[in-house]
Amino acid sequence: MLTGKFHQTANGRKSYEIFHAAPEIIFPISEILSTEFDCTPPQIPTIGVDAIITKCHKDNIKLNLGWDNWSGCYIFADAPEGDEIIDKIGSHINELLKAGNFKEFEEKA
């Protein structure tokens, strides 16, 4: 079962991460950001061998959403003002995970 956790980035920003998630999970998460948190549609993602990165905005706060083979899925804001929205987004996604959503995005061992 996928689980999400709050962490702190190297620059002190709050982050929310879902370890052991398949890369494709960022697409339904992007949809949640747009439809349920009124964020701008995400930019076309940059896709590499071991990472996917995109950005969107909530008001004037830039949110970074991505996946890499170290962290799984992650989201964080660039500014301290974004920590509160990361709390709200992460808490909401945790509820969805507990309800059994996103099972299809569990990485296969």
C-alpha atoms as a PDB file:
ATOM      1  CA  MET A   1       0.000   0.000   0.000  1.00  0.00           C
ATOM      2  CA  LEU A   2       1.321   3.418  -0.922  1.00  0.00           C
ATOM      3  CA  THR A   3       1.877   5.867   1.923  1.00  0.00           C
ATOM      4  CA  GLY A   4       2.731   9.533   1.881  1.00  0.00           C
ATOM      5  CA  LYS A   5       4.983  11.357   4.320  1.00  0.00           C
ATOM      6  CA  PHE A   6       5.956  14.918   5.030  1.00  0.00           C
ATOM      7  CA  HIS A   7       9.646  15.819   4.926  1.00  0.00           C
ATOM      8  CA  GLN A   8      11.817  18.902   4.681  1.00  0.00           C
ATOM      9  CA  THR A   9      13.835  19.808   1.592  1.00  0.00           C
ATOM     10  CA  ALA A  10      17.488  20.869   1.783  1.00  0.00           C
ATOM     11  CA  ASN A  11      16.405  24.525   1.572  1.00  0.00           C
ATOM     12  CA  GLY A  12      13.980  24.129   4.486  1.00  0.00           C
ATOM     13  CA  ARG A  13      10.717  23.837   2.555  1.00  0.00           C
ATOM     14  CA  LYS A  14       8.076  21.311   3.515  1.00  0.00           C
ATOM     15  CA  SER A  15       7.705  18.458   1.041  1.00  0.00           C
ATOM     16  CA  TYR A  16       5.234  15.638   0.656  1.00  0.00           C
ATOM     17  CA  GLU A  17       6.495  12.365  -0.765  1.00  0.00           C
ATOM     18  CA  ILE A  18       4.972   9.037  -1.779  1.00  0.00           C
ATOM     19  CA  PHE A  19       7.726   6.434  -1.779  1.00  0.00           C
ATOM     20  CA  HIS A  20       7.508   3.344  -4.002  1.00  0.00           C
ATOM     21  CA  ALA A  21       5.088   5.028  -6.399  1.00  0.00           C
ATOM     22  CA  ALA A  22       5.311   4.455 -10.151  1.00  0.00           C
ATOM     23  CA  PRO A  23       6.242   7.537 -12.214  1.00  0.00           C
ATOM     24  CA  GLU A  24       2.794   7.807 -13.803  1.00  0.00           C
ATOM     25  CA  ILE A  25       1.253   8.791 -10.451  1.00  0.00           C
ATOM     26  CA  ILE A  26       2.180  12.410 -11.104  1.00  0.00           C
ATOM     27  CA  PHE A  27      -0.564  12.661 -13.747  1.00  0.00           C
ATOM     28  CA  PRO A  28      -3.553  12.016 -11.429  1.00  0.00           C
ATOM     29  CA  ILE A  29      -1.830  14.100  -8.734  1.00  0.00           C
ATOM     30  CA  SER A  30      -1.576  16.954 -11.272  1.00  0.00           C
ATOM     31  CA  GLU A  31      -5.296  16.610 -11.920  1.00  0.00           C
ATOM     32  CA  ILE A  32      -6.030  16.811  -8.169  1.00  0.00           C
ATOM     33  CA  LEU A  33      -3.940  19.982  -7.911  1.00  0.00           C
ATOM     34  CA  SER A  34      -5.879  21.603 -10.760  1.00  0.00           C
ATOM     35  CA  THR A  35      -9.386  20.489  -9.872  1.00  0.00           C
ATOM     36  CA  GLU A  36      -9.365  20.358  -6.082  1.00  0.00           C
ATOM     37  CA  PHE A  37      -6.785  23.010  -5.157  1.00  0.00           C
ATOM     38  CA  ASP A  38      -7.359  25.498  -7.978  1.00  0.00           C
ATOM     39  CA  CYS A  39      -3.760  25.326  -9.196  1.00  0.00           C
ATOM     40  CA  THR A  40      -2.818  26.246 -12.722  1.00  0.00           C
ATOM     41  CA  PRO A  41      -2.534  23.339 -15.136  1.00  0.00           C
ATOM     42  CA  PRO A  42       0.962  21.862 -14.826  1.00  0.00           C
ATOM     43  CA  GLN A  43       3.626  22.603 -17.392  1.00  0.00           C
ATOM     44  CA  ILE A  44       4.471  19.900 -19.891  1.00  0.00           C
ATOM     45  CA  PRO A  45       6.678  17.597 -17.813  1.00  0.00           C
ATOM     46  CA  THR A  46      10.375  17.156 -18.404  1.00  0.00           C
ATOM     47  CA  ILE A  47      10.927  13.416 -18.611  1.00  0.00           C
ATOM     48  CA  GLY A  48      14.327  11.847 -18.074  1.00  0.00           C
ATOM     49  CA  VAL A  49      15.583   8.325 -17.530  1.00  0.00           C
ATOM     50  CA  ASP A  50      15.155   8.493 -13.755  1.00  0.00           C
ATOM     51  CA  ALA A  51      13.012  11.602 -13.176  1.00  0.00           C
ATOM     52  CA  ILE A  52       9.864  13.461 -14.240  1.00  0.00           C
ATOM     53  CA  ILE A  53       9.493  17.116 -13.260  1.00  0.00           C
ATOM     54  CA  THR A  54       6.703  19.630 -13.741  1.00  0.00           C
ATOM     55  CA  LYS A  55       5.524  22.860 -12.115  1.00  0.00           C
ATOM     56  CA  CYS A  56       2.251  24.611 -11.453  1.00  0.00           C
ATOM     57  CA  HIS A  57       1.102  27.621  -9.418  1.00  0.00           C
ATOM     58  CA  LYS A  58      -1.353  28.165  -6.607  1.00  0.00           C
ATOM     59  CA  ASP A  59      -1.981  31.899  -6.661  1.00  0.00           C
ATOM     60  CA  ASN A  60       1.580  33.313  -6.706  1.00  0.00           C
ATOM     61  CA  ILE A  61       3.216  30.215  -5.167  1.00  0.00           C
ATOM     62  CA  LYS A  62       5.178  27.898  -7.452  1.00  0.00           C
ATOM     63  CA  LEU A  63       4.716  24.196  -6.722  1.00  0.00           C
ATOM     64  CA  ASN A  64       7.188  21.601  -7.946  1.00  0.00           C
ATOM     65  CA  LEU A  65       5.744  18.178  -8.668  1.00  0.00           C
ATOM     66  CA  GLY A  66       7.821  15.259  -9.781  1.00  0.00           C
ATOM     67  CA  TRP A  67       8.990  11.714  -9.500  1.00  0.00           C
ATOM     68  CA  ASP A  68      12.463  10.270  -9.265  1.00  0.00           C
ATOM     69  CA  ASN A  69      13.865   6.854  -8.525  1.00  0.00           C
ATOM     70  CA  TRP A  70      15.132   7.990  -5.086  1.00  0.00           C
ATOM     71  CA  SER A  71      12.079   9.738  -3.616  1.00  0.00           C
ATOM     72  CA  GLY A  72       9.158   8.429  -5.624  1.00  0.00           C
ATOM     73  CA  CYS A  73       6.504  11.105  -6.120  1.00  0.00           C
ATOM     74  CA  TYR A  74       7.089  14.468  -4.435  1.00  0.00           C
ATOM     75  CA  ILE A  75       5.662  17.962  -4.230  1.00  0.00           C
ATOM     76  CA  PHE A  76       7.098  21.069  -2.600  1.00  0.00           C
ATOM     77  CA  ALA A  77       6.849  24.842  -2.901  1.00  0.00           C
ATOM     78  CA  ASP A  78       9.686  27.225  -3.668  1.00  0.00           C
ATOM     79  CA  ALA A  79       8.777  29.714  -0.933  1.00  0.00           C
ATOM     80  CA  PRO A  80       7.900  29.508   2.771  1.00  0.00           C
ATOM     81  CA  GLU A  81       4.375  30.725   1.978  1.00  0.00           C
ATOM     82  CA  GLY A  82       3.800  27.433   0.174  1.00  0.00           C
ATOM     83  CA  ASP A  83       4.357  25.182   3.182  1.00  0.00           C
ATOM     84  CA  GLU A  84       0.722  25.557   4.265  1.00  0.00           C
ATOM     85  CA  ILE A  85      -0.659  24.451   0.889  1.00  0.00           C
ATOM     86  CA  ILE A  86       1.736  21.474   0.894  1.00  0.00           C
ATOM     87  CA  ASP A  87       0.217  20.502   4.272  1.00  0.00           C
ATOM     88  CA  LYS A  88      -3.280  20.662   2.799  1.00  0.00           C
ATOM     89  CA  ILE A  89      -2.379  18.808  -0.397  1.00  0.00           C
ATOM     90  CA  GLY A  90      -0.464  16.084   1.441  1.00  0.00           C
ATOM     91  CA  SER A  91      -3.233  15.574   3.998  1.00  0.00           C
ATOM     92  CA  HIS A  92      -5.803  15.275   1.220  1.00  0.00           C
ATOM     93  CA  ILE A  93      -3.711  12.786  -0.748  1.00  0.00           C
ATOM     94  CA  ASN A  94      -3.098  10.777   2.443  1.00  0.00           C
ATOM     95  CA  GLU A  95      -6.861  10.402   2.844  1.00  0.00           C
ATOM     96  CA  LEU A  96      -7.140   9.210  -0.749  1.00  0.00           C
ATOM     97  CA  LEU A  97      -4.317   6.709  -0.219  1.00  0.00           C
ATOM     98  CA  LYS A  98      -5.956   5.381   2.970  1.00  0.00           C
ATOM     99  CA  ALA A  99      -9.191   4.922   1.004  1.00  0.00           C
ATOM    100  CA  GLY A 100      -7.347   2.665  -1.433  1.00  0.00           C
ATOM    101  CA  ASN A 101      -6.887   5.089  -4.313  1.00  0.00           C
ATOM    102  CA  PHE A 102      -3.796   4.897  -6.547  1.00  0.00           C
ATOM    103  CA  LYS A 103      -3.187   1.160  -5.989  1.00  0.00           C
ATOM    104  CA  GLU A 104      -2.384   0.825  -9.671  1.00  0.00           C
ATOM    105  CA  PHE A 105       0.605   3.129  -9.158  1.00  0.00           C
ATOM    106  CA  GLU A 106       2.432   0.940  -6.623  1.00  0.00           C
ATOM    107  CA  GLU A 107       5.868   0.032  -7.907  1.00  0.00           C
ATOM    108  CA  LYS A 108       6.240  -3.649  -8.547  1.00  0.00           C
ATOM    109  CA  ALA A 109       9.198  -5.195  -6.717  1.00  0.00           C
END
